[in-house]
C-alpha atoms as a PDB file:
ATOM      1  CA  MET A   1      33.784  23.162  -9.069  1.00  0.00           C
ATOM      2  CA  ALA A   2      30.124  22.729  -8.628  1.00  0.00           C
ATOM      3  CA  ARG A   3      30.047  19.535 -11.351  1.00  0.00           C
ATOM      4  CA  ILE A   4      32.144  17.672  -9.090  1.00  0.00           C
ATOM      5  CA  TYR A   5      29.150  16.672  -6.547  1.00  0.00           C
ATOM      6  CA  ARG A   6      27.429  15.341  -9.327  1.00  0.00           C
ATOM      7  CA  HIS A   7      30.602  13.278 -10.133  1.00  0.00           C
ATOM      8  CA  VAL A   8      30.227  11.577  -6.846  1.00  0.00           C
ATOM      9  CA  LEU A   9      26.792  10.253  -7.563  1.00  0.00           C
ATOM     10  CA  ARG A  10      27.943   8.803 -10.909  1.00  0.00           C
ATOM     11  CA  ALA A  11      31.270   7.260  -9.058  1.00  0.00           C
ATOM     12  CA  VAL A  12      28.972   5.322  -6.804  1.00  0.00           C
ATOM     13  CA  ALA A  13      27.146   3.210  -9.343  1.00  0.00           C
ATOM     14  CA  LEU A  14      30.885   2.966 -11.170  1.00  0.00           C
ATOM     15  CA  LEU A  15      32.137   1.924  -7.998  1.00  0.00           C
ATOM     16  CA  ALA A  16      29.514  -1.080  -7.507  1.00  0.00           C
ATOM     17  CA  VAL A  17      30.373  -2.321 -11.066  1.00  0.00           C
ATOM     18  CA  THR A  18      34.258  -1.996 -11.371  1.00  0.00           C
ATOM     19  CA  GLY A  19      35.328  -2.156  -7.519  1.00  0.00           C
ATOM     20  CA  CYS A  20      38.231  -0.421  -5.869  1.00  0.00           C
ATOM     21  CA  ALA A  21      41.739   0.924  -7.009  1.00  0.00           C
ATOM     22  CA  GLY A  22      44.316  -1.047  -5.691  1.00  0.00           C
ATOM     23  CA  ARG A  23      48.024  -0.517  -5.475  1.00  0.00           C
ATOM     24  CA  LEU A  24      49.301   1.453  -8.635  1.00  0.00           C
ATOM     25  CA  PRO A  25      52.131  -0.832 -10.821  1.00  0.00           C
ATOM     26  CA  LEU A  26      55.179   0.862 -10.863  1.00  0.00           C
ATOM     27  CA  LEU A  27      58.186  -0.058 -12.679  1.00  0.00           C
ATOM     28  CA  GLY A  28      61.630  -0.447 -11.961  1.00  0.00           C
ATOM     29  CA  ALA A  29      63.254  -0.136  -8.313  1.00  0.00           C
ATOM     30  CA  VAL A  30      61.378   1.528  -5.734  1.00  0.00           C
ATOM     31  CA  HIS A  31      61.692   2.497  -2.075  1.00  0.00           C
ATOM     32  CA  PRO A  32      60.466   0.099   0.680  1.00  0.00           C
ATOM     33  CA  VAL A  33      57.751   2.228   2.627  1.00  0.00           C
ATOM     34  CA  GLU A  34      56.761   2.482   6.071  1.00  0.00           C
ATOM     35  CA  GLU A  35      52.881   3.488   7.018  1.00  0.00           C
ATOM     36  CA  ARG A  36      51.311   4.874  10.045  1.00  0.00           C
ATOM     37  CA  THR A  37      48.481   6.891  11.274  1.00  0.00           C
ATOM     38  CA  ASP A  38      49.209  10.405  13.045  1.00  0.00           C
ATOM     39  CA  TRP A  39      46.903  13.269  13.903  1.00  0.00           C
ATOM     40  CA  PHE A  40      47.312  16.935  14.491  1.00  0.00           C
ATOM     41  CA  GLU A  41      44.662  19.402  15.642  1.00  0.00           C
ATOM     42  CA  SER A  42      43.034  22.118  13.101  1.00  0.00           C
ATOM     43  CA  LEU A  43      40.001  24.370  13.650  1.00  0.00           C
ATOM     44  CA  GLY A  44      39.602  22.794  17.228  1.00  0.00           C
ATOM     45  CA  ARG A  45      39.398  19.114  15.926  1.00  0.00           C
ATOM     46  CA  ASP A  46      41.705  16.353  15.681  1.00  0.00           C
ATOM     47  CA  VAL A  47      42.787  15.517  12.035  1.00  0.00           C
ATOM     48  CA  ARG A  48      43.901  12.318  11.043  1.00  0.00           C
ATOM     49  CA  VAL A  49      46.811  12.171   8.549  1.00  0.00           C
ATOM     50  CA  ASP A  50      47.808   8.665   6.880  1.00  0.00           C
ATOM     51  CA  VAL A  51      51.647   8.801   6.678  1.00  0.00           C
ATOM     52  CA  TYR A  52      53.830   6.756   3.840  1.00  0.00           C
ATOM     53  CA  VAL A  53      57.474   7.413   4.330  1.00  0.00           C
ATOM     54  CA  PRO A  54      60.442   5.954   2.344  1.00  0.00           C
ATOM     55  CA  GLU A  55      62.455   3.710   4.756  1.00  0.00           C
ATOM     56  CA  GLY A  56      65.689   4.688   5.930  1.00  0.00           C
ATOM     57  CA  ARG A  57      66.284   6.120   9.577  1.00  0.00           C
ATOM     58  CA  GLY A  58      67.612   9.724   9.733  1.00  0.00           C
ATOM     59  CA  LYS A  59      67.064  10.558   6.086  1.00  0.00           C
ATOM     60  CA  ARG A  60      65.125  13.632   5.105  1.00  0.00           C
ATOM     61  CA  HIS A  61      62.989  13.572   1.977  1.00  0.00           C
ATOM     62  CA  PRO A  62      61.038  15.699  -0.215  1.00  0.00           C
ATOM     63  CA  ALA A  63      57.125  15.670   0.996  1.00  0.00           C
ATOM     64  CA  ALA A  64      53.656  15.746  -0.505  1.00  0.00           C
ATOM     65  CA  ILE A  65      50.419  16.424   1.531  1.00  0.00           C
ATOM     66  CA  VAL A  66      47.943  14.516  -0.672  1.00  0.00           C
ATOM     67  CA  LEU A  67      44.124  15.974  -0.915  1.00  0.00           C
ATOM     68  CA  HIS A  68      41.525  14.129  -1.757  1.00  0.00           C
ATOM     69  CA  GLY A  69      38.027  14.797  -3.759  1.00  0.00           C
ATOM     70  CA  SER A  70      34.656  15.736  -2.726  1.00  0.00           C
ATOM     71  CA  GLY A  71      33.794  12.160  -2.298  1.00  0.00           C
ATOM     72  CA  GLY A  72      35.932  12.015   1.125  1.00  0.00           C
ATOM     73  CA  ILE A  73      38.714   9.688   2.163  1.00  0.00           C
ATOM     74  CA  HIS A  74      36.143   6.978   3.395  1.00  0.00           C
ATOM     75  CA  PHE A  75      33.739   6.633   0.316  1.00  0.00           C
ATOM     76  CA  VAL A  76      34.381   7.722  -3.261  1.00  0.00           C
ATOM     77  CA  GLY A  77      37.914   7.656  -4.775  1.00  0.00           C
ATOM     78  CA  GLY A  78      39.988   7.287  -1.204  1.00  0.00           C
ATOM     79  CA  GLU A  79      41.322   4.061  -2.401  1.00  0.00           C
ATOM     80  CA  ARG A  80      42.776   5.713  -5.485  1.00  0.00           C
ATOM     81  CA  VAL A  81      44.447   8.588  -3.095  1.00  0.00           C
ATOM     82  CA  GLN A  82      45.857   6.325  -1.002  1.00  0.00           C
ATOM     83  CA  ALA A  83      47.152   4.528  -4.006  1.00  0.00           C
ATOM     84  CA  TYR A  84      48.747   7.615  -5.423  1.00  0.00           C
ATOM     85  CA  ALA A  85      50.155   8.036  -2.047  1.00  0.00           C
ATOM     86  CA  GLU A  86      51.575   4.834  -1.677  1.00  0.00           C
ATOM     87  CA  ALA A  87      53.050   5.217  -4.648  1.00  0.00           C
ATOM     88  CA  LEU A  88      54.821   8.617  -4.508  1.00  0.00           C
ATOM     89  CA  ALA A  89      56.567   7.231  -1.090  1.00  0.00           C
ATOM     90  CA  ARG A  90      57.979   4.423  -3.050  1.00  0.00           C
ATOM     91  CA  ARG A  91      59.418   7.056  -5.567  1.00  0.00           C
ATOM     92  CA  GLY A  92      61.299   8.861  -2.475  1.00  0.00           C
ATOM     93  CA  ILE A  93      58.257  11.142  -1.339  1.00  0.00           C
ATOM     94  CA  ALA A  94      57.490  11.437   2.152  1.00  0.00           C
ATOM     95  CA  THR A  95      53.647  11.299   1.631  1.00  0.00           C
ATOM     96  CA  TYR A  96      50.865  12.391   4.087  1.00  0.00           C
ATOM     97  CA  VAL A  97      47.309  11.898   3.251  1.00  0.00           C
ATOM     98  CA  LEU A  98      45.232  14.525   4.942  1.00  0.00           C
ATOM     99  CA  HIS A  99      42.064  13.935   5.986  1.00  0.00           C
ATOM    100  CA  PHE A 100      40.886  17.513   6.023  1.00  0.00           C
ATOM    101  CA  PHE A 101      36.855  16.889   6.306  1.00  0.00           C
ATOM    102  CA  ASP A 102      37.656  15.691   9.748  1.00  0.00           C
ATOM    103  CA  ALA A 103      37.994  19.296  10.885  1.00  0.00           C
ATOM    104  CA  THR A 104      34.665  20.346   9.517  1.00  0.00           C
ATOM    105  CA  GLY A 105      32.775  17.366  10.472  1.00  0.00           C
ATOM    106  CA  THR A 106      32.152  16.490   6.635  1.00  0.00           C
ATOM    107  CA  PHE A 107      31.860  12.854   5.124  1.00  0.00           C
ATOM    108  CA  THR A 108      31.252  13.926   1.408  1.00  0.00           C
ATOM    109  CA  ALA A 109      30.895  17.586   0.086  1.00  0.00           C
ATOM    110  CA  SER A 110      27.831  18.695  -1.498  1.00  0.00           C
ATOM    111  CA  ILE A 111      28.072  21.923  -3.687  1.00  0.00           C
ATOM    112  CA  ALA A 112      26.781  23.769  -0.734  1.00  0.00           C
ATOM    113  CA  THR A 113      29.126  22.332   1.522  1.00  0.00           C
ATOM    114  CA  GLU A 114      32.083  23.110  -0.847  1.00  0.00           C
ATOM    115  CA  ALA A 115      31.176  26.825  -1.032  1.00  0.00           C
ATOM    116  CA  ARG A 116      30.715  27.376   2.619  1.00  0.00           C
ATOM    117  CA  GLU A 117      33.827  25.175   3.931  1.00  0.00           C
ATOM    118  CA  TYR A 118      36.502  26.154   1.107  1.00  0.00           C
ATOM    119  CA  TRP A 119      38.410  28.423   3.077  1.00  0.00           C
ATOM    120  CA  ARG A 120      38.275  26.648   6.383  1.00  0.00           C
ATOM    121  CA  TRP A 121      39.687  23.481   4.439  1.00  0.00           C
ATOM    122  CA  VAL A 122      42.587  25.718   2.989  1.00  0.00           C
ATOM    123  CA  ARG A 123      43.308  26.771   6.676  1.00  0.00           C
ATOM    124  CA  VAL A 124      43.598  23.212   7.516  1.00  0.00           C
ATOM    125  CA  VAL A 125      45.882  22.776   4.686  1.00  0.00           C
ATOM    126  CA  HIS A 126      48.192  25.609   5.903  1.00  0.00           C
ATOM    127  CA  ASP A 127      48.151  23.798   9.401  1.00  0.00           C
ATOM    128  CA  ALA A 128      48.943  20.479   7.749  1.00  0.00           C
ATOM    129  CA  VAL A 129      51.928  22.444   6.060  1.00  0.00           C
ATOM    130  CA  ASP A 130      53.452  23.799   9.400  1.00  0.00           C
ATOM    131  CA  TRP A 131      52.679  20.266  10.965  1.00  0.00           C
ATOM    132  CA  VAL A 132      54.812  18.135   7.955  1.00  0.00           C
ATOM    133  CA  ARG A 133      57.557  20.795   7.909  1.00  0.00           C
ATOM    134  CA  ALA A 134      58.237  19.932  11.472  1.00  0.00           C
ATOM    135  CA  ARG A 135      58.528  16.066  10.855  1.00  0.00           C
ATOM    136  CA  PRO A 136      61.897  14.780  11.423  1.00  0.00           C
ATOM    137  CA  GLU A 137      61.646  12.858   8.141  1.00  0.00           C
ATOM    138  CA  VAL A 138      60.977  15.842   5.909  1.00  0.00           C
ATOM    139  CA  ARG A 139      63.105  18.312   4.327  1.00  0.00           C
ATOM    140  CA  PRO A 140      61.125  21.505   5.552  1.00  0.00           C
ATOM    141  CA  SER A 141      61.989  23.719   2.765  1.00  0.00           C
ATOM    142  CA  HIS A 142      60.309  21.001   0.451  1.00  0.00           C
ATOM    143  CA  VAL A 143      56.999  20.492   0.994  1.00  0.00           C
ATOM    144  CA  GLY A 144      54.603  20.153  -1.749  1.00  0.00           C
ATOM    145  CA  LEU A 145      50.768  19.644  -2.329  1.00  0.00           C
ATOM    146  CA  PHE A 146      49.267  16.958  -4.421  1.00  0.00           C
ATOM    147  CA  GLY A 147      45.638  17.444  -4.850  1.00  0.00           C
ATOM    148  CA  VAL A 148      43.044  15.569  -7.245  1.00  0.00           C
ATOM    149  CA  SER A 149      39.467  17.379  -7.831  1.00  0.00           C
ATOM    150  CA  LEU A 150      38.453  19.204  -5.190  1.00  0.00           C
ATOM    151  CA  GLY A 151      41.481  18.644  -3.439  1.00  0.00           C
ATOM    152  CA  ALA A 152      43.175  20.099  -6.434  1.00  0.00           C
ATOM    153  CA  TYR A 153      41.068  23.152  -6.054  1.00  0.00           C
ATOM    154  CA  LEU A 154      42.161  23.638  -2.357  1.00  0.00           C
ATOM    155  CA  ALA A 155      45.779  22.894  -3.315  1.00  0.00           C
ATOM    156  CA  VAL A 156      45.747  25.929  -5.492  1.00  0.00           C
ATOM    157  CA  GLY A 157      43.825  28.449  -2.854  1.00  0.00           C
ATOM    158  CA  ALA A 158      46.351  26.899  -0.078  1.00  0.00           C
ATOM    159  CA  ALA A 159      49.309  27.535  -2.188  1.00  0.00           C
ATOM    160  CA  ALA A 160      48.387  30.843  -3.285  1.00  0.00           C
ATOM    161  CA  THR A 161      48.174  32.188  -0.025  1.00  0.00           C
ATOM    162  CA  SER A 162      51.372  30.293   1.970  1.00  0.00           C
ATOM    163  CA  PRO A 163      55.138  31.054   1.381  1.00  0.00           C
ATOM    164  CA  HIS A 164      55.583  27.640   2.490  1.00  0.00           C
ATOM    165  CA  VAL A 165      54.388  25.311  -0.308  1.00  0.00           C
ATOM    166  CA  SER A 166      57.482  24.410  -2.246  1.00  0.00           C
ATOM    167  CA  ARG A 167      55.598  22.575  -5.503  1.00  0.00           C
ATOM    168  CA  VAL A 168      52.049  21.950  -6.645  1.00  0.00           C
ATOM    169  CA  VAL A 169      50.571  18.951  -8.603  1.00  0.00           C
ATOM    170  CA  LEU A 170      47.233  19.411  -9.714  1.00  0.00           C
ATOM    171  CA  LEU A 171      45.341  16.621 -11.121  1.00  0.00           C
ATOM    172  CA  SER A 172      41.699  17.368 -12.570  1.00  0.00           C
ATOM    173  CA  GLY A 173      41.864  20.642 -11.219  1.00  0.00           C
ATOM    174  CA  GLY A 174      40.945  24.346 -11.908  1.00  0.00           C
ATOM    175  CA  LEU A 175      40.126  27.703 -10.209  1.00  0.00           C
ATOM    176  CA  GLU A 176      38.029  28.513  -7.324  1.00  0.00           C
ATOM    177  CA  PRO A 177      35.868  31.621  -7.199  1.00  0.00           C
ATOM    178  CA  GLY A 178      37.467  34.030  -5.106  1.00  0.00           C
ATOM    179  CA  VAL A 179      41.012  32.650  -5.113  1.00  0.00           C
ATOM    180  CA  ALA A 180      42.127  35.066  -7.912  1.00  0.00           C
ATOM    181  CA  ASP A 181      41.921  37.948  -5.410  1.00  0.00           C
ATOM    182  CA  SER A 182      43.633  36.567  -2.828  1.00  0.00           C
ATOM    183  CA  VAL A 183      46.995  35.259  -4.470  1.00  0.00           C
ATOM    184  CA  ARG A 184      50.455  36.381  -2.756  1.00  0.00           C
ATOM    185  CA  HIS A 185      52.611  34.165  -4.867  1.00  0.00           C
ATOM    186  CA  PHE A 186      52.731  30.474  -6.778  1.00  0.00           C
ATOM    187  CA  PRO A 187      55.312  27.970  -6.660  1.00  0.00           C
ATOM    188  CA  PRO A 188      55.859  25.815  -9.481  1.00  0.00           C
ATOM    189  CA  VAL A 189      52.844  23.840 -10.622  1.00  0.00           C
ATOM    190  CA  LEU A 190      52.121  20.735 -12.700  1.00  0.00           C
ATOM    191  CA  LEU A 191      48.679  20.339 -14.206  1.00  0.00           C
ATOM    192  CA  LEU A 192      47.460  17.301 -15.267  1.00  0.00           C
ATOM    193  CA  HIS A 193      44.025  16.574 -16.993  1.00  0.00           C
ATOM    194  CA  GLY A 194      42.248  14.209 -19.075  1.00  0.00           C
ATOM    195  CA  ASP A 195      40.948  15.625 -21.949  1.00  0.00           C
ATOM    196  CA  GLU A 196      37.632  13.848 -21.845  1.00  0.00           C
ATOM    197  CA  ASP A 197      36.882  15.175 -18.381  1.00  0.00           C
ATOM    198  CA  ASP A 198      33.415  16.260 -18.363  1.00  0.00           C
ATOM    199  CA  VAL A 199      33.247  17.274 -14.383  1.00  0.00           C
ATOM    200  CA  VAL A 200      36.242  19.583 -14.295  1.00  0.00           C
ATOM    201  CA  THR A 201      36.499  20.203 -18.285  1.00  0.00           C
ATOM    202  CA  PRO A 202      39.831  21.196 -19.677  1.00  0.00           C
ATOM    203  CA  ALA A 203      38.256  24.268 -20.729  1.00  0.00           C
ATOM    204  CA  GLU A 204      37.613  25.126 -17.094  1.00  0.00           C
ATOM    205  CA  GLU A 205      41.769  25.042 -16.426  1.00  0.00           C
ATOM    206  CA  ASP A 206      42.053  27.728 -18.869  1.00  0.00           C
ATOM    207  CA  ALA A 207      41.073  30.467 -15.715  1.00  0.00           C
ATOM    208  CA  LEU A 208      43.654  28.598 -13.760  1.00  0.00           C
ATOM    209  CA  VAL A 209      46.451  28.616 -16.820  1.00  0.00           C
ATOM    210  CA  ALA A 210      45.601  32.188 -17.230  1.00  0.00           C
ATOM    211  CA  LEU A 211      46.014  33.123 -13.464  1.00  0.00           C
ATOM    212  CA  LEU A 212      49.506  31.333 -13.292  1.00  0.00           C
ATOM    213  CA  SER A 213      50.742  33.229 -16.218  1.00  0.00           C
ATOM    214  CA  ARG A 214      49.678  36.308 -15.068  1.00  0.00           C
ATOM    215  CA  HIS A 215      51.716  35.580 -11.867  1.00  0.00           C
ATOM    216  CA  ARG A 216      54.435  34.486 -13.688  1.00  0.00           C
ATOM    217  CA  ALA A 217      54.499  30.849 -12.126  1.00  0.00           C
ATOM    218  CA  LEU A 218      56.479  28.064 -13.469  1.00  0.00           C
ATOM    219  CA  LEU A 219      53.765  25.932 -15.198  1.00  0.00           C
ATOM    220  CA  VAL A 220      54.035  22.492 -16.820  1.00  0.00           C
ATOM    221  CA  THR A 221      50.800  20.793 -18.275  1.00  0.00           C
ATOM    222  CA  HIS A 222      49.884  17.374 -19.683  1.00  0.00           C
ATOM    223  CA  ARG A 223      46.365  16.165 -21.051  1.00  0.00           C
ATOM    224  CA  TYR A 224      45.977  12.457 -21.164  1.00  0.00           C
ATOM    225  CA  PRO A 225      44.252  11.179 -24.315  1.00  0.00           C
ATOM    226  CA  GLY A 226      40.821   9.501 -23.383  1.00  0.00           C
ATOM    227  CA  GLU A 227      40.994   9.864 -19.866  1.00  0.00           C
ATOM    228  CA  GLY A 228      38.173  11.322 -17.605  1.00  0.00           C
ATOM    229  CA  HIS A 229      37.889  13.053 -14.397  1.00  0.00           C
ATOM    230  CA  ASP A 230      39.391   9.684 -12.461  1.00  0.00           C
ATOM    231  CA  PHE A 231      42.400   8.375 -14.225  1.00  0.00           C
ATOM    232  CA  GLY A 232      42.561   4.761 -15.409  1.00  0.00           C
ATOM    233  CA  ASP A 233      45.803   2.521 -14.259  1.00  0.00           C
ATOM    234  CA  ASP A 234      48.078   3.545 -16.873  1.00  0.00           C
ATOM    235  CA  ALA A 235      47.506   7.174 -16.579  1.00  0.00           C
ATOM    236  CA  ALA A 236      47.629   6.979 -12.525  1.00  0.00           C
ATOM    237  CA  VAL A 237      51.159   5.494 -13.029  1.00  0.00           C
ATOM    238  CA  ASP A 238      52.654   7.993 -15.688  1.00  0.00           C
ATOM    239  CA  ALA A 239      50.942  10.865 -13.282  1.00  0.00           C
ATOM    240  CA  VAL A 240      52.568   9.524 -10.314  1.00  0.00           C
ATOM    241  CA  GLU A 241      56.041   9.256 -12.239  1.00  0.00           C
ATOM    242  CA  ARG A 242      55.709  12.974 -13.330  1.00  0.00           C
ATOM    243  CA  ALA A 243      54.430  14.180 -10.090  1.00  0.00           C
ATOM    244  CA  ALA A 244      57.500  12.583  -8.203  1.00  0.00           C
ATOM    245  CA  ARG A 245      60.446  14.144 -10.416  1.00  0.00           C
ATOM    246  CA  PHE A 246      58.723  17.260 -10.005  1.00  0.00           C
ATOM    247  CA  LEU A 247      58.276  17.384  -6.151  1.00  0.00           C
ATOM    248  CA  ALA A 248      61.919  15.798  -5.659  1.00  0.00           C
ATOM    249  CA  GLU A 249      63.640  18.592  -7.641  1.00  0.00           C
ATOM    250  CA  GLY A 250      64.524  21.126  -5.308  1.00  0.00           C
ATOM    251  CA  ARG A 251      67.108  23.165  -7.488  1.00  0.00           C
ATOM    252  CA  VAL A 252      64.812  25.711  -9.865  1.00  0.00           C
ATOM    253  CA  GLY A 253      67.890  25.108 -12.568  1.00  0.00           C
ATOM    254  CA  THR A 254      67.365  21.778 -12.734  1.00  0.00           C
ATOM    255  CA  LEU A 255      63.519  22.262 -12.467  1.00  0.00           C
ATOM    256  CA  LEU A 256      63.351  24.024 -15.760  1.00  0.00           C
ATOM    257  CA  GLU A 257      65.281  21.360 -17.475  1.00  0.00           C
ATOM    258  CA  VAL A 258      62.449  18.882 -15.914  1.00  0.00           C
ATOM    259  CA  LEU A 259      59.956  21.277 -17.371  1.00  0.00           C
ATOM    260  CA  ARG A 260      61.861  21.532 -20.903  1.00  0.00           C
ATOM    261  CA  ARG A 261      61.423  17.371 -21.223  1.00  0.00           C
ATOM    262  CA  SER A 262      57.875  17.608 -20.354  1.00  0.00           C
ATOM    263  CA  ASP A 263      54.772  18.383 -22.225  1.00  0.00           C
ATOM    264  CA  THR A 264      54.997  22.206 -21.321  1.00  0.00           C
ATOM    265  CA  ARG A 265      51.912  24.550 -22.581  1.00  0.00           C
ATOM    266  CA  ARG A 266      53.086  27.499 -20.683  1.00  0.00           C
ATOM    267  CA  ALA A 267      56.160  27.957 -18.404  1.00  0.00           C
ATOM    268  CA  PRO A 268      56.616  31.382 -17.783  1.00  0.00           C
ATOM    269  CA  ARG A 269      60.019  32.906 -16.507  1.00  0.00           C
END
């Protein structure tokens, strides 16, 4: 994860040239989405949550907590994270963008900050899971995590140490040192990665895949040819479509069928 901070510095220059990511162009029918901002308390501080919920009063939806990267939510990558969340909601997932840096007063995370705050951020994710499970629009047994870069590392630690996470989607993620010693269990995992990622290289995900296999987690992986650490629009749309199907399916038997139809590297039983 140490290389992620250098990615933030490179992305600042790229942002100036290419501009910000906008709404993802999903195809076909989509759900109208209600957007709002909410807060809850964690580590003694107010933590902001950007909420994207499919319209439909009285309906309960599968949910995903979206975790941003080391550039934070207000700086590098923030608009893409919001685009992922809004797109997932248009596919029927109640989605919550967690400003977990709020709990530690962080704006962007350096290597030292990540090492110091990792487990405190995991605690914030646990608090967010409890908060989301209590929402009237959410199926409380069906709350997943959708992590990008640093957020993917956090999702692994949070899912490994909480019984209330039902699914995990990881974009450009790997395994934080020390997490392997803290694993209690793993829910099903969808692992998505660009094969030209030079920040969190595909080789770095091998340690995570090995850990998931040792714990006999249901796992599906897909690598995007030619994609780097940050996905282009086509790969991002494909990632949303895969993630929405993965997060929405509540029955293990049907989920196994979803896995079989996907590009599965390992799906231990």
